[in-house]
Amino acid sequence: MGNTTITNETQQNTRKKQKIGIENFELIETLSKSVNGEVFLVQKKETKELYAMKVLLKEKLQEEQQIKNVKNERKVLVELDHPFIISLKYSFQTSTHLFLLTEYATGGDLYGLLNRESEIHESLARILISEVILALEYIHSKGIAYRDLKPENILIDQSGHIKICDFGLARFLGKRRSNKTKTFCGSPEYLSPEIIKHQPYGRETDLWSLGIVLYEILHRLPPFYSTNRQVMYKKILNAPIKFSNRISEDAKSLISCLLIREPMLRLGTGKKGFENIKKHSFFYGVDWNKVYEKEYETGFSTEPKEISINRDENIQFDLESVLSTQFSFLKIHSNNSKKIRDPFFKHFDYNYEKHQKQEKKKKKRKEKRKQRKNDEIFTFNFEMNENGNTSQNTNKNTSQNTSQNISQNISQNVSESENDFPLDFLVEYDFTIAINKEKILQQNIYQQKIYQNSIENLITN
């Protein structure tokens, strides 16, 4: 009894340790703000790892009908696993707030990079857009339309490579190309003509945004930009594309092929999809395996962020005031050990480490199942081979006698009753099937027994 109580206590302690909450992280600074919430840089106390923590207020989400988007973002992030896509590490909730913690990209976003750099050479733009293409190709292979591709959602990690983030507008459409949606959403500068026309659209809308992003990298502004939104929409629908003289013909050709206003004629919408984009002359000499392995240098690598342990108390106070005292408020709520049961956010909590362990267990189970099937096939094949060698000689002698007896019985039975047994079965059935190994493996053992019983009944009759 004493041992059982100790084990139960240890199990409870391990479960408590596995639970992740706001008390496990330390606030560093504010990264960005939005209408629905804020993003903060936090540090995990145990490992000292940095994360970007998005804090969302449930009341605002319910008022603005954004619950579905948040749940969808969490679902998409769990589904995706790619070197050029931001990965979700943790998600949890309190009675008032939702938390999404992703890996922290130290280089900021592509929009800030374009503002900092005086000029981005076409060779560097080729590497950046190649990484975006691989990320989009992976997203589309999962049946997902991203619908919000823009420089603000393309982060730069510590090694200088891209990470696509913010999947709030992503939508599962399935892997059929005919699946469409009609939701009017996205950033105005990057909207495709079919969205502006309120027409049904699919994943091809991301290809239009891809062309806009490439144009902006090379020109610093989107091709149809205007401060007046209605004027900008008219330009997107009708205005020609104006290129700078310093842009190569290959870049002009690629952008023009991506910005075709007819969605089904857009480059990358055919059966080969992104393979047609990769084969474009703009990417001549690009090794896509090297792109995936991040072997091309971008020159935007950054040093890891240094966090001072002895920070000024006034700075800490200012950061908490920026949060409108919600960070300290959340600590009080998170200390409550009772599990939060919110009907709107069931199964919202997520732990990357737990998820990885579960995936490993699933793989092991699949491997064991495959091994069992292979063993069964091997033993069955071995037994049939031995039985086939012993019965091969007897089958040759008995097959002639049985065939003669069956033909005589057929002539007698047909006259008496024609519907007792189908004649096609007797004609098509091959008595040498027991000798043929390939047919034996393909045939079901149960069916073979039925055939044998039916033949024996005919012979006895």
Protein backbone atom coordinates (compact mmCIF):
# COMPACT_ATOMS: atom_id res chain seq x y z
CA MET A 1 0.00 0.00 0.00
CA GLY A 2 2.81 2.37 0.81
CA ASN A 3 4.41 1.86 -2.58
CA THR A 4 1.11 2.52 -4.39
CA THR A 5 0.59 5.81 -2.55
CA ILE A 6 4.11 6.93 -3.44
CA THR A 7 3.62 6.09 -7.12
CA ASN A 8 0.29 7.94 -7.21
CA GLU A 9 1.91 11.00 -5.66
CA THR A 10 4.76 10.93 -8.18
CA GLN A 11 2.31 10.57 -11.06
CA GLN A 12 0.32 13.56 -9.81
CA ASN A 13 3.51 15.59 -9.46
CA THR A 14 4.63 14.76 -12.99
CA ARG A 15 1.20 15.72 -14.34
CA LYS A 16 1.38 19.03 -12.52
CA LYS A 17 4.84 19.65 -13.95
CA GLN A 18 3.64 18.90 -17.47
CA LYS A 19 0.90 21.53 -17.26
CA ILE A 20 2.03 24.79 -18.83
CA GLY A 21 0.62 28.14 -17.74
CA ILE A 22 1.46 31.80 -17.59
CA GLU A 23 3.38 31.23 -14.35
CA ASN A 24 6.01 29.27 -16.32
CA PHE A 25 7.05 32.35 -18.33
CA GLU A 26 8.62 35.70 -17.64
CA LEU A 27 7.62 38.84 -19.52
CA ILE A 28 10.43 40.59 -21.43
CA GLU A 29 8.86 43.18 -23.74
CA THR A 30 5.97 44.01 -26.06
CA LEU A 31 6.48 43.00 -29.71
CA SER A 32 3.28 44.17 -31.41
CA LYS A 33 -0.32 45.17 -30.83
CA SER A 34 -3.54 44.46 -32.71
CA VAL A 35 -7.27 44.99 -32.28
CA ASN A 36 -7.89 41.58 -30.70
CA GLY A 37 -4.75 41.29 -28.58
CA GLU A 38 -1.01 41.78 -28.17
CA VAL A 39 2.18 39.83 -28.80
CA PHE A 40 4.89 39.71 -26.14
CA LEU A 41 8.39 38.37 -25.93
CA VAL A 42 8.55 35.95 -23.02
CA GLN A 43 11.18 33.65 -21.56
CA LYS A 44 10.52 30.22 -20.12
CA LYS A 45 11.85 30.13 -16.58
CA GLU A 46 13.15 26.56 -16.64
CA THR A 47 14.93 26.47 -20.01
CA LYS A 48 15.50 30.24 -20.59
CA GLU A 49 14.13 29.82 -24.12
CA LEU A 50 12.47 32.79 -25.82
CA TYR A 51 8.96 32.63 -27.29
CA ALA A 52 6.51 35.00 -28.94
CA MET A 53 3.33 34.91 -26.87
CA LYS A 54 0.08 36.09 -28.44
CA VAL A 55 -2.48 37.09 -25.79
CA LEU A 56 -6.13 37.32 -26.89
CA LEU A 57 -9.08 38.54 -24.84
CA LYS A 58 -12.06 36.19 -25.08
CA GLU A 59 -14.65 38.94 -24.75
CA LYS A 60 -13.30 40.81 -27.77
CA LEU A 61 -13.17 37.62 -29.81
CA GLN A 62 -16.82 36.91 -29.03
CA GLU A 63 -17.90 40.47 -29.79
CA GLU A 64 -16.12 40.55 -33.16
CA GLN A 65 -16.99 36.92 -34.04
CA GLN A 66 -13.33 35.91 -34.25
CA ILE A 67 -13.58 32.69 -32.22
CA LYS A 68 -13.60 30.51 -35.33
CA ASN A 69 -10.46 32.20 -36.71
CA VAL A 70 -8.48 31.68 -33.49
CA LYS A 71 -9.48 28.04 -33.19
CA ASN A 72 -8.65 27.56 -36.86
CA GLU A 73 -5.23 29.19 -36.43
CA ARG A 74 -4.39 26.86 -33.57
CA LYS A 75 -5.57 23.84 -35.60
CA VAL A 76 -3.50 24.83 -38.65
CA LEU A 77 -0.35 25.47 -36.62
CA VAL A 78 -0.59 22.03 -35.03
CA GLU A 79 -1.05 20.45 -38.47
CA LEU A 80 1.93 22.14 -40.14
CA ASP A 81 5.57 21.19 -39.63
CA HIS A 82 8.00 22.86 -42.06
CA PRO A 83 11.35 24.67 -41.76
CA PHE A 84 9.88 27.86 -43.29
CA ILE A 85 6.70 27.96 -41.19
CA ILE A 86 6.53 29.19 -37.62
CA SER A 87 5.87 26.35 -35.19
CA LEU A 88 3.44 26.38 -32.30
CA LYS A 89 5.06 25.35 -29.02
CA TYR A 90 2.30 25.86 -26.44
CA SER A 91 -1.30 27.00 -26.23
CA PHE A 92 -3.35 27.39 -23.06
CA GLN A 93 -6.12 29.52 -21.62
CA THR A 94 -7.53 31.15 -18.54
CA SER A 95 -11.12 32.11 -17.85
CA THR A 96 -10.60 35.42 -19.67
CA HIS A 97 -7.67 35.02 -22.10
CA LEU A 98 -6.15 32.74 -24.73
CA PHE A 99 -2.40 32.20 -25.21
CA LEU A 100 -0.53 31.04 -28.29
CA LEU A 101 3.24 30.63 -27.91
CA THR A 102 5.35 30.21 -31.04
CA GLU A 103 9.09 30.22 -31.69
CA TYR A 104 10.63 33.68 -31.62
CA ALA A 105 12.07 35.12 -34.85
CA THR A 106 14.86 37.50 -33.88
CA GLY A 107 15.13 39.22 -37.28
CA GLY A 108 11.69 40.82 -37.26
CA ASP A 109 9.52 40.66 -40.39
CA LEU A 110 10.16 41.18 -44.09
CA TYR A 111 8.33 44.52 -44.05
CA GLY A 112 10.79 45.93 -41.53
CA LEU A 113 13.68 44.44 -43.48
CA LEU A 114 12.56 46.21 -46.67
CA ASN A 115 12.42 49.50 -44.77
CA ARG A 116 15.88 49.00 -43.22
CA GLU A 117 17.72 47.90 -46.35
CA SER A 118 18.42 50.51 -49.02
CA GLU A 119 18.19 47.92 -51.80
CA ILE A 120 17.67 44.17 -52.05
CA HIS A 121 19.47 42.59 -54.98
CA GLU A 122 17.56 40.29 -57.29
CA SER A 123 19.74 37.31 -56.35
CA LEU A 124 18.79 37.76 -52.69
CA ALA A 125 15.12 38.24 -53.60
CA ARG A 126 15.34 34.93 -55.48
CA ILE A 127 16.42 33.10 -52.30
CA LEU A 128 13.73 34.71 -50.14
CA ILE A 129 10.91 34.07 -52.61
CA SER A 130 12.16 30.48 -53.14
CA GLU A 131 11.72 29.80 -49.43
CA VAL A 132 8.25 31.34 -49.53
CA ILE A 133 7.36 29.08 -52.48
CA LEU A 134 8.42 25.93 -50.59
CA ALA A 135 6.34 27.01 -47.59
CA LEU A 136 3.29 27.74 -49.75
CA GLU A 137 3.69 24.46 -51.61
CA TYR A 138 3.65 22.59 -48.31
CA ILE A 139 0.62 24.56 -47.05
CA HIS A 140 -1.32 23.80 -50.25
CA SER A 141 -0.35 20.11 -50.08
CA LYS A 142 -2.23 19.97 -46.77
CA GLY A 143 -5.36 21.32 -48.48
CA ILE A 144 -5.04 24.75 -46.85
CA ALA A 145 -5.46 28.19 -48.43
CA TYR A 146 -3.29 30.72 -46.56
CA ARG A 147 -5.09 33.90 -47.77
CA ASP A 148 -2.90 36.43 -45.94
CA LEU A 149 0.52 36.39 -47.59
CA LYS A 150 2.26 39.74 -47.08
CA PRO A 151 5.69 40.98 -45.87
CA GLU A 152 4.34 41.56 -42.34
CA ASN A 153 3.58 37.83 -42.05
CA ILE A 154 6.99 36.70 -43.33
CA LEU A 155 9.38 36.65 -40.36
CA ILE A 156 13.18 36.42 -40.44
CA ASP A 157 14.71 33.95 -38.01
CA GLN A 158 18.12 34.00 -36.35
CA SER A 159 19.82 32.34 -39.33
CA GLY A 160 18.38 34.90 -41.77
CA HIS A 161 15.75 32.64 -43.35
CA ILE A 162 12.00 33.15 -43.56
CA LYS A 163 9.22 31.89 -41.30
CA ILE A 164 5.60 32.35 -42.35
CA CYS A 165 3.32 33.22 -39.43
CA ASP A 166 -0.24 34.33 -38.58
CA PHE A 167 -2.64 31.66 -39.82
CA GLY A 168 -5.78 33.37 -38.53
CA LEU A 169 -7.27 33.60 -42.04
CA ALA A 170 -6.10 30.17 -43.23
CA ARG A 171 -8.84 27.84 -44.40
CA PHE A 172 -9.01 24.06 -44.90
CA LEU A 173 -10.36 23.54 -48.41
CA GLY A 174 -9.38 19.91 -48.93
CA LYS A 175 -7.03 18.57 -51.59
CA ARG A 176 -9.49 18.86 -54.48
CA ARG A 177 -8.76 21.84 -56.68
CA SER A 178 -12.46 22.37 -57.31
CA ASN A 179 -13.10 23.23 -53.63
CA LYS A 180 -13.76 26.95 -53.24
CA THR A 181 -14.73 29.53 -50.64
CA LYS A 182 -16.36 32.98 -50.85
CA THR A 183 -15.14 34.75 -47.72
CA PHE A 184 -13.96 38.32 -48.35
CA CYS A 185 -10.77 38.55 -46.28
CA GLY A 186 -7.11 39.51 -46.48
CA SER A 187 -5.04 42.68 -46.65
CA PRO A 188 -6.29 45.15 -49.32
CA GLU A 189 -2.96 45.57 -51.14
CA TYR A 190 -2.62 41.81 -51.65
CA LEU A 191 -6.20 40.83 -52.51
CA SER A 192 -6.68 38.90 -55.75
CA PRO A 193 -9.21 40.06 -58.38
CA GLU A 194 -11.52 37.10 -57.67
CA ILE A 195 -11.82 38.10 -54.01
CA ILE A 196 -12.59 41.72 -54.90
CA LYS A 197 -15.26 40.52 -57.35
CA HIS A 198 -16.77 38.33 -54.60
CA GLN A 199 -16.29 35.26 -56.76
CA PRO A 200 -15.61 31.75 -55.41
CA TYR A 201 -11.86 31.19 -55.12
CA GLY A 202 -9.41 28.52 -54.04
CA ARG A 203 -5.71 28.22 -53.23
CA GLU A 204 -4.78 30.06 -56.45
CA THR A 205 -5.42 33.33 -54.62
CA ASP A 206 -2.13 32.76 -52.74
CA LEU A 207 -0.26 32.74 -56.06
CA TRP A 208 -1.50 36.27 -56.78
CA SER A 209 -0.24 37.39 -53.35
CA LEU A 210 3.07 35.66 -54.09
CA GLY A 211 3.50 37.81 -57.20
CA ILE A 212 2.65 40.96 -55.21
CA VAL A 213 5.23 40.11 -52.53
CA LEU A 214 7.97 39.50 -55.12
CA TYR A 215 7.14 42.80 -56.81
CA GLU A 216 7.28 44.61 -53.45
CA ILE A 217 10.67 43.07 -52.59
CA LEU A 218 12.11 44.42 -55.83
CA HIS A 219 10.22 47.77 -55.95
CA ARG A 220 9.53 48.57 -52.25
CA LEU A 221 5.80 49.08 -52.92
CA PRO A 222 2.97 46.83 -54.14
CA PRO A 223 2.21 47.30 -57.88
CA PHE A 224 -1.34 48.65 -57.42
CA TYR A 225 -0.86 50.60 -54.19
CA SER A 226 -3.01 53.66 -53.49
CA THR A 227 -4.03 55.50 -50.33
CA ASN A 228 -7.62 55.36 -51.60
CA ARG A 229 -8.86 51.79 -51.19
CA GLN A 230 -11.50 51.97 -53.92
CA VAL A 231 -8.94 53.34 -56.40
CA MET A 232 -6.57 50.54 -55.43
CA TYR A 233 -9.27 47.91 -56.05
CA LYS A 234 -9.89 49.35 -59.51
CA LYS A 235 -6.16 49.17 -60.26
CA ILE A 236 -6.04 45.55 -59.13
CA LEU A 237 -8.87 44.73 -61.55
CA ASN A 238 -7.75 46.72 -64.58
CA ALA A 239 -4.43 48.59 -64.32
CA PRO A 240 -1.32 47.29 -66.14
CA ILE A 241 1.81 46.34 -64.19
CA LYS A 242 4.60 48.95 -64.29
CA PHE A 243 8.14 47.64 -63.88
CA SER A 244 11.39 49.40 -63.05
CA ASN A 245 14.12 49.41 -65.69
CA ARG A 246 16.59 47.72 -63.31
CA ILE A 247 14.42 44.58 -63.04
CA SER A 248 15.46 41.65 -65.24
CA GLU A 249 13.20 40.20 -67.92
CA ASP A 250 12.99 36.90 -66.04
CA ALA A 251 11.66 38.66 -62.93
CA LYS A 252 9.16 40.61 -65.03
CA SER A 253 8.00 37.40 -66.68
CA LEU A 254 7.52 35.56 -63.37
CA ILE A 255 5.60 38.43 -61.77
CA SER A 256 3.41 38.81 -64.87
CA CYS A 257 2.63 35.07 -64.89
CA LEU A 258 1.65 35.15 -61.21
CA LEU A 259 -0.46 38.30 -61.59
CA ILE A 260 -2.72 36.95 -64.33
CA ARG A 261 -6.23 38.09 -63.45
CA GLU A 262 -7.87 34.87 -64.63
CA PRO A 263 -7.23 32.46 -61.71
CA MET A 264 -7.12 29.24 -63.75
CA LEU A 265 -4.51 30.70 -66.14
CA ARG A 266 -2.21 31.79 -63.32
CA LEU A 267 1.20 30.14 -63.12
CA GLY A 268 1.12 27.27 -60.63
CA THR A 269 -2.56 26.33 -61.01
CA GLY A 270 -2.07 23.38 -63.39
CA LYS A 271 -1.67 19.71 -62.55
CA LYS A 272 2.04 20.14 -61.81
CA GLY A 273 1.30 23.14 -59.58
CA PHE A 274 4.40 24.67 -58.01
CA GLU A 275 6.69 22.59 -60.21
CA ASN A 276 5.84 24.94 -63.08
CA ILE A 277 6.86 27.90 -60.93
CA LYS A 278 10.14 26.22 -59.94
CA LYS A 279 10.97 25.57 -63.60
CA HIS A 280 10.59 29.26 -64.53
CA SER A 281 13.70 30.91 -65.96
CA PHE A 282 13.86 33.27 -62.95
CA PHE A 283 14.97 30.28 -60.83
CA TYR A 284 17.58 29.02 -63.27
CA GLY A 285 20.44 27.41 -61.33
CA VAL A 286 18.50 27.17 -58.05
CA ASP A 287 18.92 23.86 -56.24
CA TRP A 288 15.62 23.41 -54.40
CA ASN A 289 17.09 20.81 -52.06
CA LYS A 290 19.65 23.38 -50.94
CA VAL A 291 16.86 25.91 -50.46
CA TYR A 292 15.00 23.46 -48.21
CA GLU A 293 18.17 22.71 -46.21
CA LYS A 294 18.87 26.48 -45.84
CA GLU A 295 22.26 26.19 -47.52
CA TYR A 296 21.91 29.52 -49.35
CA GLU A 297 23.09 32.44 -47.24
CA THR A 298 20.88 35.54 -47.05
CA GLY A 299 23.17 37.76 -44.98
CA PHE A 300 20.36 38.64 -42.54
CA SER A 301 21.46 36.40 -39.69
CA THR A 302 21.21 37.98 -36.25
CA GLU A 303 22.88 37.32 -32.92
CA PRO A 304 20.78 35.75 -30.16
CA LYS A 305 19.00 38.28 -28.01
CA GLU A 306 20.71 38.93 -24.69
CA ILE A 307 18.35 39.16 -21.75
CA SER A 308 19.69 41.03 -18.75
CA ILE A 309 18.86 39.19 -15.52
CA ASN A 310 19.08 42.26 -13.27
CA ARG A 311 16.55 44.51 -14.96
CA ASP A 312 15.32 47.81 -13.65
CA GLU A 313 12.13 47.50 -11.58
CA ASN A 314 10.70 50.62 -13.24
CA ILE A 315 10.98 49.00 -16.67
CA GLN A 316 9.16 45.91 -15.39
CA PHE A 317 6.44 48.16 -13.97
CA ASP A 318 6.07 49.99 -17.29
CA LEU A 319 5.69 46.73 -19.17
CA GLU A 320 2.95 45.61 -16.81
CA SER A 321 1.19 48.93 -17.25
CA VAL A 322 1.36 48.46 -21.03
CA LEU A 323 -0.48 45.18 -20.50
CA SER A 324 -3.18 47.14 -18.62
CA THR A 325 -2.32 45.07 -15.52
CA GLN A 326 -3.56 41.94 -17.27
CA PHE A 327 -0.25 40.07 -16.92
CA SER A 328 -0.34 40.14 -13.12
CA PHE A 329 -4.09 39.55 -13.29
CA LEU A 330 -3.54 36.45 -15.39
CA LYS A 331 -1.04 35.04 -12.90
CA ILE A 332 -3.74 35.06 -10.23
CA HIS A 333 -6.18 33.19 -12.47
CA SER A 334 -3.60 30.71 -13.74
CA ASN A 335 -2.70 29.61 -10.22
CA ASN A 336 -6.15 28.09 -9.92
CA SER A 337 -5.61 24.34 -10.28
CA LYS A 338 -9.16 23.68 -11.54
CA LYS A 339 -9.38 22.87 -15.21
CA ILE A 340 -11.14 25.57 -17.23
CA ARG A 341 -14.18 24.28 -19.10
CA ASP A 342 -15.00 26.81 -21.77
CA PRO A 343 -17.52 25.48 -24.33
CA PHE A 344 -16.17 27.86 -26.99
CA PHE A 345 -12.55 26.69 -26.64
CA LYS A 346 -12.58 22.96 -26.03
CA HIS A 347 -9.30 21.12 -26.72
CA PHE A 348 -7.45 24.44 -27.08
CA ASP A 349 -4.49 23.52 -24.85
CA TYR A 350 -1.43 22.22 -26.68
CA ASN A 351 2.06 21.14 -25.69
CA TYR A 352 4.61 20.62 -28.45
CA GLU A 353 6.73 18.22 -26.39
CA LYS A 354 3.74 16.01 -25.58
CA HIS A 355 2.64 16.08 -29.19
CA GLN A 356 6.06 14.91 -30.38
CA LYS A 357 6.03 12.00 -27.92
CA GLN A 358 2.56 10.97 -29.10
CA GLU A 359 3.65 11.09 -32.74
CA LYS A 360 6.64 8.85 -31.96
CA LYS A 361 4.35 6.34 -30.25
CA LYS A 362 2.03 6.35 -33.28
CA LYS A 363 4.95 5.65 -35.60
CA LYS A 364 6.12 2.75 -33.45
CA ARG A 365 2.61 1.28 -33.47
CA LYS A 366 2.42 1.53 -37.27
CA GLU A 367 5.81 -0.12 -37.62
CA LYS A 368 4.73 -2.97 -35.33
CA ARG A 369 1.54 -3.48 -37.34
CA LYS A 370 3.49 -3.61 -40.59
CA GLN A 371 5.93 -6.06 -39.07
CA ARG A 372 3.09 -8.31 -37.93
CA LYS A 373 1.53 -8.29 -41.39
CA ASN A 374 4.87 -9.12 -43.00
CA ASP A 375 5.38 -11.97 -40.55
CA GLU A 376 1.92 -13.37 -41.26
CA ILE A 377 2.48 -13.23 -45.00
CA PHE A 378 5.88 -14.89 -44.62
CA THR A 379 4.54 -17.76 -42.49
CA PHE A 380 1.55 -18.26 -44.80
CA ASN A 381 3.81 -18.30 -47.87
CA PHE A 382 6.18 -20.74 -46.17
CA GLU A 383 3.38 -23.15 -45.22
CA MET A 384 1.82 -22.99 -48.68
CA ASN A 385 5.18 -23.66 -50.31
CA GLU A 386 5.68 -26.80 -48.23
CA ASN A 387 2.11 -27.98 -48.81
CA GLY A 388 2.45 -27.20 -52.50
CA ASN A 389 5.60 -29.32 -52.85
CA THR A 390 3.95 -32.39 -51.23
CA SER A 391 0.62 -32.06 -53.00
CA GLN A 392 1.96 -31.08 -56.42
CA ASN A 393 2.31 -34.66 -57.59
CA THR A 394 -1.05 -35.80 -56.20
CA ASN A 395 -2.91 -32.84 -57.74
CA LYS A 396 -1.75 -33.77 -61.24
CA ASN A 397 -3.13 -37.31 -60.89
CA THR A 398 -6.38 -36.42 -59.19
CA SER A 399 -7.24 -33.39 -61.32
CA GLN A 400 -8.10 -35.52 -64.38
CA ASN A 401 -10.32 -37.92 -62.39
CA THR A 402 -12.13 -35.11 -60.54
CA SER A 403 -12.74 -33.18 -63.76
CA GLN A 404 -14.31 -36.25 -65.39
CA ASN A 405 -16.53 -36.91 -62.35
CA ILE A 406 -17.61 -33.27 -62.22
CA SER A 407 -18.53 -33.20 -65.93
CA GLN A 408 -20.70 -36.31 -65.45
CA ASN A 409 -22.39 -34.81 -62.39
CA ILE A 410 -23.01 -31.56 -64.23
CA SER A 411 -24.91 -33.30 -67.04
CA GLN A 412 -27.08 -35.10 -64.47
CA ASN A 413 -27.71 -32.08 -62.23
CA VAL A 414 -28.55 -29.69 -65.04
CA SER A 415 -31.42 -31.83 -66.16
CA GLU A 416 -32.82 -32.03 -62.62
CA SER A 417 -32.35 -28.44 -61.48
CA GLU A 418 -30.50 -25.66 -63.32
CA ASN A 419 -30.44 -23.17 -60.43
CA ASP A 420 -28.66 -25.33 -57.83
CA PHE A 421 -25.20 -23.99 -58.72
CA PRO A 422 -23.89 -21.54 -61.39
CA LEU A 423 -22.16 -23.23 -64.30
CA ASP A 424 -19.85 -20.23 -64.84
CA PHE A 425 -18.13 -21.00 -61.56
CA LEU A 426 -17.27 -24.54 -62.67
CA VAL A 427 -15.98 -23.36 -66.04
CA GLU A 428 -13.85 -20.50 -64.66
CA TYR A 429 -12.50 -22.34 -61.64
CA ASP A 430 -8.96 -23.51 -62.13
CA PHE A 431 -7.88 -26.66 -60.30
CA THR A 432 -4.22 -25.72 -60.61
CA ILE A 433 -4.70 -22.62 -58.44
CA ALA A 434 -3.12 -24.43 -55.50
CA ILE A 435 0.13 -24.73 -57.45
CA ASN A 436 0.32 -21.04 -58.43
CA LYS A 437 1.96 -19.16 -55.51
CA GLU A 438 1.04 -15.64 -56.62
CA LYS A 439 -2.64 -16.48 -56.91
CA ILE A 440 -2.60 -18.17 -53.53
CA LEU A 441 -1.23 -15.02 -51.86
CA GLN A 442 -3.87 -12.86 -53.55
CA GLN A 443 -6.77 -15.23 -52.83
CA ASN A 444 -8.53 -15.10 -49.51
CA ILE A 445 -8.25 -18.30 -47.49
CA TYR A 446 -11.91 -18.11 -46.64
CA GLN A 447 -12.90 -17.99 -50.31
CA GLN A 448 -10.69 -20.96 -51.10
CA LYS A 449 -12.47 -23.05 -48.47
CA ILE A 450 -15.85 -22.13 -49.97
CA TYR A 451 -14.67 -23.20 -53.42
CA GLN A 452 -13.38 -26.52 -52.11
CA ASN A 453 -16.58 -27.27 -50.19
CA SER A 454 -18.75 -26.46 -53.19
CA ILE A 455 -16.71 -28.80 -55.42
CA GLU A 456 -16.87 -31.60 -52.87
CA ASN A 457 -20.65 -31.24 -52.68
CA LEU A 458 -20.91 -31.52 -56.46
CA ILE A 459 -18.71 -34.61 -56.54
CA THR A 460 -20.67 -36.35 -53.78
CA ASN A 461 -23.95 -35.54 -55.48
